[in-house]
Amino acid sequence: MSKLLLFKPRWFHRRWFYPLLSVCTALTFWMSSLPAVQAIPIEKLIFHGVRILQLSTISDRQEVALGKQINDRMVGREFKLYPSPALTQYIDLIGQRLVKVSERPDIPYTFQVVDDDKVNAFATMGGFVYIHKGLILAADNEAELASVIAHEISHIVGEHSLKQMRQIAIAQGLASAAGLDNNVAVQIGVELALRRPKSREAEYEADRLGIITLGRAGYAQKAALDFMEKLLGSGSPPTILSTHPATSDRIYMLQQYLDPRLAERGVGMNSAAYQEVVRRLM
């Protein structure tokens, strides 16, 4: 029996040799990127390797889990949520209506209201959308508010944060052959959500997808233009426009995307009804 074991065919050795070589190589690359002062036991390194993200092949489930970690890192530390479940439910109803007709309805979306008077909104990967209280008050009607929510949903549809994260990880040498460390990914995600502008291309794509989604959901598409023109004429640009492409350029591009059949026909244009709802929920 011992002689048989000594003469196993080459294919048998290859079955375990090459996978083992790949794992060792990945761990070597990752260990070489760590500061020299760190000394981590090998068993922790192996466990740590389970939490490495391969961003080029990340699944929807992994993206949602990463988005939740980014959300947990931000809420309560970077900002507070507005303490009104009824208002949050109202925003969620609008958001879910838009999600159903978006290009990516198959992941769960979470809509939250930030307790901040700035006119702003943002999103992170995995379906997490944040609307500032100040933006809700600045909108004249529900369709204008929905146009902003549709824009943020479209950033998630386009996977803009994921693409930006890949670029940053590669440019800063944070990604190894194995992928990107999960904790580093969460840190980058927080930075992207709160402090780094999207590219012009990402903003234009979110505008295009957003206004299409707005019309599909039954809202008047013209509301997106109305809201942007109002912000443009408000003097100093609000936060939502300060890091985006020139507002006048975006308005011009939005005009090209308008569907004449959906531009002015649709729900959500009743300003009095909207103001009453907001007053009651706030």
C-alpha atoms as a PDB file:
ATOM      1  CA  MET A   1       0.000   0.000   0.000  1.00  0.00           C
ATOM      2  CA  SER A   2       2.828   2.422   0.891  1.00  0.00           C
ATOM      3  CA  LYS A   3       4.376   1.903  -2.563  1.00  0.00           C
ATOM      4  CA  LEU A   4       1.136   2.823  -4.262  1.00  0.00           C
ATOM      5  CA  LEU A   5       1.027   6.097  -2.353  1.00  0.00           C
ATOM      6  CA  LEU A   6       4.557   6.933  -3.420  1.00  0.00           C
ATOM      7  CA  PHE A   7       3.709   6.682  -7.090  1.00  0.00           C
ATOM      8  CA  LYS A   8       0.536   8.762  -7.458  1.00  0.00           C
ATOM      9  CA  PRO A   9       0.112  10.242 -10.939  1.00  0.00           C
ATOM     10  CA  ARG A  10       1.012  13.859 -11.678  1.00  0.00           C
ATOM     11  CA  TRP A  11      -2.595  14.951 -12.075  1.00  0.00           C
ATOM     12  CA  PHE A  12      -3.207  14.035  -8.444  1.00  0.00           C
ATOM     13  CA  HIS A  13      -0.507  16.413  -7.231  1.00  0.00           C
ATOM     14  CA  ARG A  14      -1.771  19.195  -9.470  1.00  0.00           C
ATOM     15  CA  ARG A  15      -5.248  18.951  -7.959  1.00  0.00           C
ATOM     16  CA  TRP A  16      -4.022  20.273  -4.629  1.00  0.00           C
ATOM     17  CA  PHE A  17      -0.713  21.900  -5.545  1.00  0.00           C
ATOM     18  CA  TYR A  18      -1.978  24.758  -7.768  1.00  0.00           C
ATOM     19  CA  PRO A  19      -4.912  25.845  -5.556  1.00  0.00           C
ATOM     20  CA  LEU A  20      -2.559  25.830  -2.553  1.00  0.00           C
ATOM     21  CA  LEU A  21      -0.014  27.892  -4.510  1.00  0.00           C
ATOM     22  CA  SER A  22      -2.716  30.441  -5.405  1.00  0.00           C
ATOM     23  CA  VAL A  23      -3.776  30.850  -1.764  1.00  0.00           C
ATOM     24  CA  CYS A  24      -0.178  31.241  -0.599  1.00  0.00           C
ATOM     25  CA  THR A  25       0.521  33.823  -3.321  1.00  0.00           C
ATOM     26  CA  ALA A  26      -2.568  35.868  -2.405  1.00  0.00           C
ATOM     27  CA  LEU A  27      -1.619  35.825   1.283  1.00  0.00           C
ATOM     28  CA  THR A  28       1.935  36.876   0.424  1.00  0.00           C
ATOM     29  CA  PHE A  29       0.716  39.885  -1.575  1.00  0.00           C
ATOM     30  CA  TRP A  30      -1.650  40.891   1.202  1.00  0.00           C
ATOM     31  CA  MET A  31       0.973  40.487   3.945  1.00  0.00           C
ATOM     32  CA  SER A  32       3.461  42.572   1.978  1.00  0.00           C
ATOM     33  CA  SER A  33       1.006  45.498   1.974  1.00  0.00           C
ATOM     34  CA  LEU A  34       0.750  45.532   5.781  1.00  0.00           C
ATOM     35  CA  PRO A  35       2.905  47.892   7.871  1.00  0.00           C
ATOM     36  CA  ALA A  36       6.049  46.202   9.144  1.00  0.00           C
ATOM     37  CA  VAL A  37       5.091  46.844  12.782  1.00  0.00           C
ATOM     38  CA  GLN A  38       2.100  44.504  12.566  1.00  0.00           C
ATOM     39  CA  ALA A  39       2.542  40.938  13.636  1.00  0.00           C
ATOM     40  CA  ILE A  40      -0.586  38.840  13.073  1.00  0.00           C
ATOM     41  CA  PRO A  41      -0.763  35.115  13.790  1.00  0.00           C
ATOM     42  CA  ILE A  42      -1.194  32.966  10.676  1.00  0.00           C
ATOM     43  CA  GLU A  43      -4.563  31.602  11.854  1.00  0.00           C
ATOM     44  CA  LYS A  44      -5.894  35.189  12.035  1.00  0.00           C
ATOM     45  CA  LEU A  45      -4.546  35.915   8.575  1.00  0.00           C
ATOM     46  CA  ILE A  46      -6.390  32.926   7.162  1.00  0.00           C
ATOM     47  CA  PHE A  47      -9.610  33.999   8.879  1.00  0.00           C
ATOM     48  CA  HIS A  48      -9.007  37.567   7.742  1.00  0.00           C
ATOM     49  CA  GLY A  49      -8.736  36.343   4.173  1.00  0.00           C
ATOM     50  CA  VAL A  50     -12.383  35.266   4.299  1.00  0.00           C
ATOM     51  CA  ARG A  51     -13.273  38.964   4.596  1.00  0.00           C
ATOM     52  CA  ILE A  52     -11.495  39.966   1.401  1.00  0.00           C
ATOM     53  CA  LEU A  53     -13.781  41.408  -1.288  1.00  0.00           C
ATOM     54  CA  GLN A  54     -13.153  40.825  -4.974  1.00  0.00           C
ATOM     55  CA  LEU A  55     -14.844  43.990  -6.254  1.00  0.00           C
ATOM     56  CA  SER A  56     -14.766  42.936  -9.900  1.00  0.00           C
ATOM     57  CA  THR A  57     -17.043  39.964  -9.167  1.00  0.00           C
ATOM     58  CA  ILE A  58     -18.977  41.150  -6.101  1.00  0.00           C
ATOM     59  CA  SER A  59     -22.467  39.659  -5.881  1.00  0.00           C
ATOM     60  CA  ASP A  60     -25.662  41.583  -5.133  1.00  0.00           C
ATOM     61  CA  ARG A  61     -25.792  39.979  -1.684  1.00  0.00           C
ATOM     62  CA  GLN A  62     -22.213  41.034  -0.914  1.00  0.00           C
ATOM     63  CA  GLU A  63     -22.913  44.563  -2.153  1.00  0.00           C
ATOM     64  CA  VAL A  64     -25.991  44.873   0.086  1.00  0.00           C
ATOM     65  CA  ALA A  65     -24.003  43.562   3.073  1.00  0.00           C
ATOM     66  CA  LEU A  66     -21.213  46.075   2.371  1.00  0.00           C
ATOM     67  CA  GLY A  67     -23.759  48.882   2.044  1.00  0.00           C
ATOM     68  CA  LYS A  68     -25.232  47.948   5.425  1.00  0.00           C
ATOM     69  CA  GLN A  69     -21.791  48.096   7.035  1.00  0.00           C
ATOM     70  CA  ILE A  70     -21.186  51.528   5.483  1.00  0.00           C
ATOM     71  CA  ASN A  71     -24.607  52.654   6.710  1.00  0.00           C
ATOM     72  CA  ASP A  72     -23.899  51.388  10.248  1.00  0.00           C
ATOM     73  CA  ARG A  73     -20.567  53.242  10.244  1.00  0.00           C
ATOM     74  CA  MET A  74     -22.227  56.541   9.202  1.00  0.00           C
ATOM     75  CA  VAL A  75     -25.509  56.676  11.119  1.00  0.00           C
ATOM     76  CA  GLY A  76     -24.989  58.149  14.569  1.00  0.00           C
ATOM     77  CA  ARG A  77     -21.343  59.006  13.851  1.00  0.00           C
ATOM     78  CA  GLU A  78     -21.394  61.145  10.732  1.00  0.00           C
ATOM     79  CA  PHE A  79     -25.019  62.282  10.949  1.00  0.00           C
ATOM     80  CA  LYS A  80     -28.287  61.695  12.792  1.00  0.00           C
ATOM     81  CA  LEU A  81     -31.538  60.479  11.317  1.00  0.00           C
ATOM     82  CA  TYR A  82     -34.660  62.599  11.609  1.00  0.00           C
ATOM     83  CA  PRO A  83     -36.808  61.126  14.424  1.00  0.00           C
ATOM     84  CA  SER A  84     -40.066  60.726  12.525  1.00  0.00           C
ATOM     85  CA  PRO A  85     -41.040  57.187  11.482  1.00  0.00           C
ATOM     86  CA  ALA A  86     -44.041  58.614   9.626  1.00  0.00           C
ATOM     87  CA  LEU A  87     -41.871  60.901   7.473  1.00  0.00           C
ATOM     88  CA  THR A  88     -39.436  58.065   6.804  1.00  0.00           C
ATOM     89  CA  GLN A  89     -42.340  55.854   5.751  1.00  0.00           C
ATOM     90  CA  TYR A  90     -43.549  58.567   3.352  1.00  0.00           C
ATOM     91  CA  ILE A  91     -40.089  58.802   1.736  1.00  0.00           C
ATOM     92  CA  ASP A  92     -39.925  55.007   1.572  1.00  0.00           C
ATOM     93  CA  LEU A  93     -43.294  54.819  -0.218  1.00  0.00           C
ATOM     94  CA  ILE A  94     -42.040  57.230  -2.886  1.00  0.00           C
ATOM     95  CA  GLY A  95     -38.719  55.398  -3.125  1.00  0.00           C
ATOM     96  CA  GLN A  96     -40.230  51.934  -3.467  1.00  0.00           C
ATOM     97  CA  ARG A  97     -42.602  53.199  -6.156  1.00  0.00           C
ATOM     98  CA  LEU A  98     -39.574  54.375  -8.130  1.00  0.00           C
ATOM     99  CA  VAL A  99     -37.528  51.230  -7.432  1.00  0.00           C
ATOM    100  CA  LYS A 100     -40.204  48.988  -8.971  1.00  0.00           C
ATOM    101  CA  VAL A 101     -39.780  50.650 -12.367  1.00  0.00           C
ATOM    102  CA  SER A 102     -36.014  51.193 -12.151  1.00  0.00           C
ATOM    103  CA  GLU A 103     -33.383  49.186 -14.005  1.00  0.00           C
ATOM    104  CA  ARG A 104     -32.380  47.404 -10.792  1.00  0.00           C
ATOM    105  CA  PRO A 105     -35.426  46.444  -8.708  1.00  0.00           C
ATOM    106  CA  ASP A 106     -34.113  43.104  -7.418  1.00  0.00           C
ATOM    107  CA  ILE A 107     -32.138  44.278  -4.377  1.00  0.00           C
ATOM    108  CA  PRO A 108     -33.643  45.694  -1.154  1.00  0.00           C
ATOM    109  CA  TYR A 109     -33.592  49.491  -0.868  1.00  0.00           C
ATOM    110  CA  THR A 110     -33.483  51.455   2.386  1.00  0.00           C
ATOM    111  CA  PHE A 111     -34.615  55.098   2.419  1.00  0.00           C
ATOM    112  CA  GLN A 112     -33.720  57.319   5.380  1.00  0.00           C
ATOM    113  CA  VAL A 113     -34.156  60.980   6.320  1.00  0.00           C
ATOM    114  CA  VAL A 114     -31.074  62.842   7.581  1.00  0.00           C
ATOM    115  CA  ASP A 115     -31.712  65.434  10.285  1.00  0.00           C
ATOM    116  CA  ASP A 116     -29.950  68.274   8.485  1.00  0.00           C
ATOM    117  CA  ASP A 117     -31.240  71.536   7.012  1.00  0.00           C
ATOM    118  CA  LYS A 118     -28.857  71.439   4.037  1.00  0.00           C
ATOM    119  CA  VAL A 119     -30.461  70.815   0.641  1.00  0.00           C
ATOM    120  CA  ASN A 120     -28.761  67.520  -0.044  1.00  0.00           C
ATOM    121  CA  ALA A 121     -29.221  63.835  -0.830  1.00  0.00           C
ATOM    122  CA  PHE A 122     -26.801  60.962  -1.391  1.00  0.00           C
ATOM    123  CA  ALA A 123     -26.637  57.203  -1.729  1.00  0.00           C
ATOM    124  CA  THR A 124     -24.264  54.360  -1.122  1.00  0.00           C
ATOM    125  CA  MET A 125     -24.022  50.912  -2.633  1.00  0.00           C
ATOM    126  CA  GLY A 126     -26.413  48.129  -1.764  1.00  0.00           C
ATOM    127  CA  GLY A 127     -29.605  50.206  -1.978  1.00  0.00           C
ATOM    128  CA  PHE A 128     -29.081  52.795   0.787  1.00  0.00           C
ATOM    129  CA  VAL A 129     -30.509  56.261  -0.015  1.00  0.00           C
ATOM    130  CA  TYR A 130     -30.408  59.338   2.248  1.00  0.00           C
ATOM    131  CA  ILE A 131     -32.569  62.458   1.883  1.00  0.00           C
ATOM    132  CA  HIS A 132     -31.850  65.554   3.985  1.00  0.00           C
ATOM    133  CA  LYS A 133     -34.714  67.211   5.828  1.00  0.00           C
ATOM    134  CA  GLY A 134     -33.695  70.483   4.170  1.00  0.00           C
ATOM    135  CA  LEU A 135     -34.267  69.042   0.711  1.00  0.00           C
ATOM    136  CA  ILE A 136     -37.744  67.802   1.628  1.00  0.00           C
ATOM    137  CA  LEU A 137     -38.619  71.345   2.747  1.00  0.00           C
ATOM    138  CA  ALA A 138     -37.056  72.898  -0.369  1.00  0.00           C
ATOM    139  CA  ALA A 139     -39.169  70.824  -2.786  1.00  0.00           C
ATOM    140  CA  ASP A 140     -42.411  72.455  -3.930  1.00  0.00           C
ATOM    141  CA  ASN A 141     -44.210  69.193  -4.580  1.00  0.00           C
ATOM    142  CA  GLU A 142     -43.875  65.428  -4.386  1.00  0.00           C
ATOM    143  CA  ALA A 143     -42.728  65.084  -7.991  1.00  0.00           C
ATOM    144  CA  GLU A 144     -39.727  67.363  -7.338  1.00  0.00           C
ATOM    145  CA  LEU A 145     -38.809  65.296  -4.287  1.00  0.00           C
ATOM    146  CA  ALA A 146     -39.287  62.086  -6.282  1.00  0.00           C
ATOM    147  CA  SER A 147     -36.946  63.391  -9.004  1.00  0.00           C
ATOM    148  CA  VAL A 148     -34.097  63.606  -6.477  1.00  0.00           C
ATOM    149  CA  ILE A 149     -34.850  60.164  -5.040  1.00  0.00           C
ATOM    150  CA  ALA A 150     -34.925  58.729  -8.578  1.00  0.00           C
ATOM    151  CA  HIS A 151     -31.522  60.296  -9.258  1.00  0.00           C
ATOM    152  CA  GLU A 152     -30.006  58.672  -6.155  1.00  0.00           C
ATOM    153  CA  ILE A 153     -31.560  55.298  -6.993  1.00  0.00           C
ATOM    154  CA  SER A 154     -29.945  55.607 -10.419  1.00  0.00           C
ATOM    155  CA  HIS A 155     -26.492  55.949  -8.836  1.00  0.00           C
ATOM    156  CA  ILE A 156     -27.112  52.521  -7.280  1.00  0.00           C
ATOM    157  CA  VAL A 157     -28.445  51.152 -10.568  1.00  0.00           C
ATOM    158  CA  GLY A 158     -25.251  52.310 -12.305  1.00  0.00           C
ATOM    159  CA  GLU A 159     -23.068  50.881  -9.493  1.00  0.00           C
ATOM    160  CA  HIS A 160     -21.230  54.193  -9.443  1.00  0.00           C
ATOM    161  CA  SER A 161     -19.916  53.861  -5.884  1.00  0.00           C
ATOM    162  CA  LEU A 162     -18.573  50.375  -6.575  1.00  0.00           C
ATOM    163  CA  LYS A 163     -16.784  51.557  -9.709  1.00  0.00           C
ATOM    164  CA  GLN A 164     -15.336  54.548  -7.846  1.00  0.00           C
ATOM    165  CA  MET A 165     -14.209  52.284  -5.003  1.00  0.00           C
ATOM    166  CA  ARG A 166     -12.340  50.038  -7.448  1.00  0.00           C
ATOM    167  CA  GLN A 167     -10.581  53.047  -8.972  1.00  0.00           C
ATOM    168  CA  ILE A 168      -9.517  54.418  -5.583  1.00  0.00           C
ATOM    169  CA  ALA A 169      -8.336  51.028  -4.305  1.00  0.00           C
ATOM    170  CA  ILE A 170      -6.188  50.470  -7.389  1.00  0.00           C
ATOM    171  CA  ALA A 171      -4.836  54.035  -7.520  1.00  0.00           C
ATOM    172  CA  GLN A 172      -3.829  53.975  -3.846  1.00  0.00           C
ATOM    173  CA  GLY A 173      -2.452  50.445  -3.956  1.00  0.00           C
ATOM    174  CA  LEU A 174      -5.015  49.170  -1.452  1.00  0.00           C
ATOM    175  CA  ALA A 175      -6.134  46.173  -3.500  1.00  0.00           C
ATOM    176  CA  SER A 176      -3.998  43.034  -3.552  1.00  0.00           C
ATOM    177  CA  ALA A 177      -4.127  40.018  -5.815  1.00  0.00           C
ATOM    178  CA  ALA A 178      -6.749  38.577  -3.455  1.00  0.00           C
ATOM    179  CA  GLY A 179      -8.950  41.675  -3.500  1.00  0.00           C
ATOM    180  CA  LEU A 180      -9.781  44.493  -1.088  1.00  0.00           C
ATOM    181  CA  ASP A 181      -9.950  44.154   2.665  1.00  0.00           C
ATOM    182  CA  ASN A 182     -13.548  44.517   3.874  1.00  0.00           C
ATOM    183  CA  ASN A 183     -12.720  47.095   6.565  1.00  0.00           C
ATOM    184  CA  VAL A 184     -10.835  49.230   4.047  1.00  0.00           C
ATOM    185  CA  ALA A 185     -13.812  48.963   1.678  1.00  0.00           C
ATOM    186  CA  VAL A 186     -16.134  50.270   4.403  1.00  0.00           C
ATOM    187  CA  GLN A 187     -13.814  53.236   5.063  1.00  0.00           C
ATOM    188  CA  ILE A 188     -13.682  54.092   1.369  1.00  0.00           C
ATOM    189  CA  GLY A 189     -17.462  53.710   1.143  1.00  0.00           C
ATOM    190  CA  VAL A 190     -18.034  56.268   3.911  1.00  0.00           C
ATOM    191  CA  GLU A 191     -15.644  58.693   2.234  1.00  0.00           C
ATOM    192  CA  LEU A 192     -17.381  58.260  -1.125  1.00  0.00           C
ATOM    193  CA  ALA A 193     -20.858  58.739   0.318  1.00  0.00           C
ATOM    194  CA  LEU A 194     -20.078  61.886   2.293  1.00  0.00           C
ATOM    195  CA  ARG A 195     -17.057  63.667   0.889  1.00  0.00           C
ATOM    196  CA  ARG A 196     -16.166  62.605  -2.651  1.00  0.00           C
ATOM    197  CA  PRO A 197     -18.105  63.834  -5.686  1.00  0.00           C
ATOM    198  CA  LYS A 198     -19.213  61.468  -8.406  1.00  0.00           C
ATOM    199  CA  SER A 199     -17.711  61.885 -11.856  1.00  0.00           C
ATOM    200  CA  ARG A 200     -19.457  63.978 -14.503  1.00  0.00           C
ATOM    201  CA  GLU A 201     -20.253  60.796 -16.405  1.00  0.00           C
ATOM    202  CA  ALA A 202     -21.863  59.223 -13.332  1.00  0.00           C
ATOM    203  CA  GLU A 203     -23.975  62.317 -12.676  1.00  0.00           C
ATOM    204  CA  TYR A 204     -25.172  62.543 -16.255  1.00  0.00           C
ATOM    205  CA  GLU A 205     -26.042  58.850 -16.276  1.00  0.00           C
ATOM    206  CA  ALA A 206     -27.956  59.210 -12.990  1.00  0.00           C
ATOM    207  CA  ASP A 207     -29.820  62.206 -14.454  1.00  0.00           C
ATOM    208  CA  ARG A 208     -30.755  60.216 -17.567  1.00  0.00           C
ATOM    209  CA  LEU A 209     -31.822  57.066 -15.724  1.00  0.00           C
ATOM    210  CA  GLY A 210     -33.506  59.114 -13.010  1.00  0.00           C
ATOM    211  CA  ILE A 211     -35.777  61.093 -15.316  1.00  0.00           C
ATOM    212  CA  ILE A 212     -36.745  57.901 -17.190  1.00  0.00           C
ATOM    213  CA  THR A 213     -37.589  56.220 -13.869  1.00  0.00           C
ATOM    214  CA  LEU A 214     -39.542  59.288 -12.771  1.00  0.00           C
ATOM    215  CA  GLY A 215     -41.767  59.090 -15.856  1.00  0.00           C
ATOM    216  CA  ARG A 216     -42.247  55.337 -15.584  1.00  0.00           C
ATOM    217  CA  ALA A 217     -43.436  55.771 -11.990  1.00  0.00           C
ATOM    218  CA  GLY A 218     -46.154  58.159 -13.156  1.00  0.00           C
ATOM    219  CA  TYR A 219     -44.596  61.447 -12.038  1.00  0.00           C
ATOM    220  CA  ALA A 220     -44.362  64.476 -14.318  1.00  0.00           C
ATOM    221  CA  GLN A 221     -40.779  64.551 -15.631  1.00  0.00           C
ATOM    222  CA  LYS A 222     -40.834  68.344 -15.806  1.00  0.00           C
ATOM    223  CA  ALA A 223     -40.550  68.394 -12.018  1.00  0.00           C
ATOM    224  CA  ALA A 224     -36.870  67.397 -12.263  1.00  0.00           C
ATOM    225  CA  LEU A 225     -36.155  70.459 -14.404  1.00  0.00           C
ATOM    226  CA  ASP A 226     -38.295  72.722 -12.222  1.00  0.00           C
ATOM    227  CA  PHE A 227     -36.412  71.736  -9.085  1.00  0.00           C
ATOM    228  CA  MET A 228     -32.978  72.120 -10.638  1.00  0.00           C
ATOM    229  CA  GLU A 229     -33.829  75.500 -12.171  1.00  0.00           C
ATOM    230  CA  LYS A 230     -35.125  76.682  -8.823  1.00  0.00           C
ATOM    231  CA  LEU A 231     -31.905  75.628  -7.082  1.00  0.00           C
ATOM    232  CA  LEU A 232     -29.843  77.282  -9.817  1.00  0.00           C
ATOM    233  CA  GLY A 233     -31.669  80.568  -9.258  1.00  0.00           C
ATOM    234  CA  SER A 234     -31.367  80.446  -5.482  1.00  0.00           C
ATOM    235  CA  GLY A 235     -28.040  82.328  -5.367  1.00  0.00           C
ATOM    236  CA  SER A 236     -25.330  80.270  -3.706  1.00  0.00           C
ATOM    237  CA  PRO A 237     -25.663  76.642  -4.869  1.00  0.00           C
ATOM    238  CA  PRO A 238     -26.970  74.219  -2.223  1.00  0.00           C
ATOM    239  CA  THR A 239     -24.919  71.212  -1.157  1.00  0.00           C
ATOM    240  CA  ILE A 240     -26.586  68.873  -3.629  1.00  0.00           C
ATOM    241  CA  LEU A 241     -25.224  70.957  -6.532  1.00  0.00           C
ATOM    242  CA  SER A 242     -21.888  72.122  -5.143  1.00  0.00           C
ATOM    243  CA  THR A 243     -19.950  68.989  -6.132  1.00  0.00           C
ATOM    244  CA  HIS A 244     -21.866  68.098  -9.280  1.00  0.00           C
ATOM    245  CA  PRO A 245     -21.344  69.142 -12.935  1.00  0.00           C
ATOM    246  CA  ALA A 246     -22.489  72.660 -13.814  1.00  0.00           C
ATOM    247  CA  THR A 247     -26.207  72.921 -13.134  1.00  0.00           C
ATOM    248  CA  SER A 248     -26.912  74.704 -16.425  1.00  0.00           C
ATOM    249  CA  ASP A 249     -25.251  71.831 -18.322  1.00  0.00           C
ATOM    250  CA  ARG A 250     -27.323  69.290 -16.417  1.00  0.00           C
ATOM    251  CA  ILE A 251     -30.527  71.179 -17.159  1.00  0.00           C
ATOM    252  CA  TYR A 252     -29.661  71.195 -20.866  1.00  0.00           C
ATOM    253  CA  MET A 253     -28.984  67.444 -20.797  1.00  0.00           C
ATOM    254  CA  LEU A 254     -32.210  66.748 -18.891  1.00  0.00           C
ATOM    255  CA  GLN A 255     -34.173  68.592 -21.548  1.00  0.00           C
ATOM    256  CA  GLN A 256     -32.846  66.136 -24.121  1.00  0.00           C
ATOM    257  CA  TYR A 257     -34.118  63.194 -22.076  1.00  0.00           C
ATOM    258  CA  LEU A 258     -37.675  64.485 -21.593  1.00  0.00           C
ATOM    259  CA  ASP A 259     -40.424  62.367 -23.094  1.00  0.00           C
ATOM    260  CA  PRO A 260     -43.017  64.829 -24.501  1.00  0.00           C
ATOM    261  CA  ARG A 261     -45.798  62.440 -23.452  1.00  0.00           C
ATOM    262  CA  LEU A 262     -44.598  62.385 -19.827  1.00  0.00           C
ATOM    263  CA  ALA A 263     -43.100  65.845 -19.361  1.00  0.00           C
ATOM    264  CA  GLU A 264     -46.109  67.573 -17.795  1.00  0.00           C
ATOM    265  CA  ARG A 265     -48.619  64.782 -17.428  1.00  0.00           C
ATOM    266  CA  GLY A 266     -48.342  62.859 -14.181  1.00  0.00           C
ATOM    267  CA  VAL A 267     -48.942  62.838 -10.461  1.00  0.00           C
ATOM    268  CA  GLY A 268     -47.192  64.716  -7.681  1.00  0.00           C
ATOM    269  CA  MET A 269     -47.532  68.302  -8.920  1.00  0.00           C
ATOM    270  CA  ASN A 270     -50.028  69.489  -6.277  1.00  0.00           C
ATOM    271  CA  SER A 271     -47.976  71.867  -4.134  1.00  0.00           C
ATOM    272  CA  ALA A 272     -50.673  72.532  -1.526  1.00  0.00           C
ATOM    273  CA  ALA A 273     -51.224  68.818  -0.890  1.00  0.00           C
ATOM    274  CA  TYR A 274     -47.467  68.233  -0.582  1.00  0.00           C
ATOM    275  CA  GLN A 275     -46.937  71.093   1.851  1.00  0.00           C
ATOM    276  CA  GLU A 276     -49.767  69.790   4.016  1.00  0.00           C
ATOM    277  CA  VAL A 277     -48.294  66.273   4.089  1.00  0.00           C
ATOM    278  CA  VAL A 278     -44.815  67.564   4.992  1.00  0.00           C
ATOM    279  CA  ARG A 279     -46.204  69.892   7.683  1.00  0.00           C
ATOM    280  CA  ARG A 280     -48.169  67.049   9.260  1.00  0.00           C
ATOM    281  CA  LEU A 281     -45.300  64.529   9.160  1.00  0.00           C
ATOM    282  CA  MET A 282     -42.716  66.967  10.493  1.00  0.00           C
END
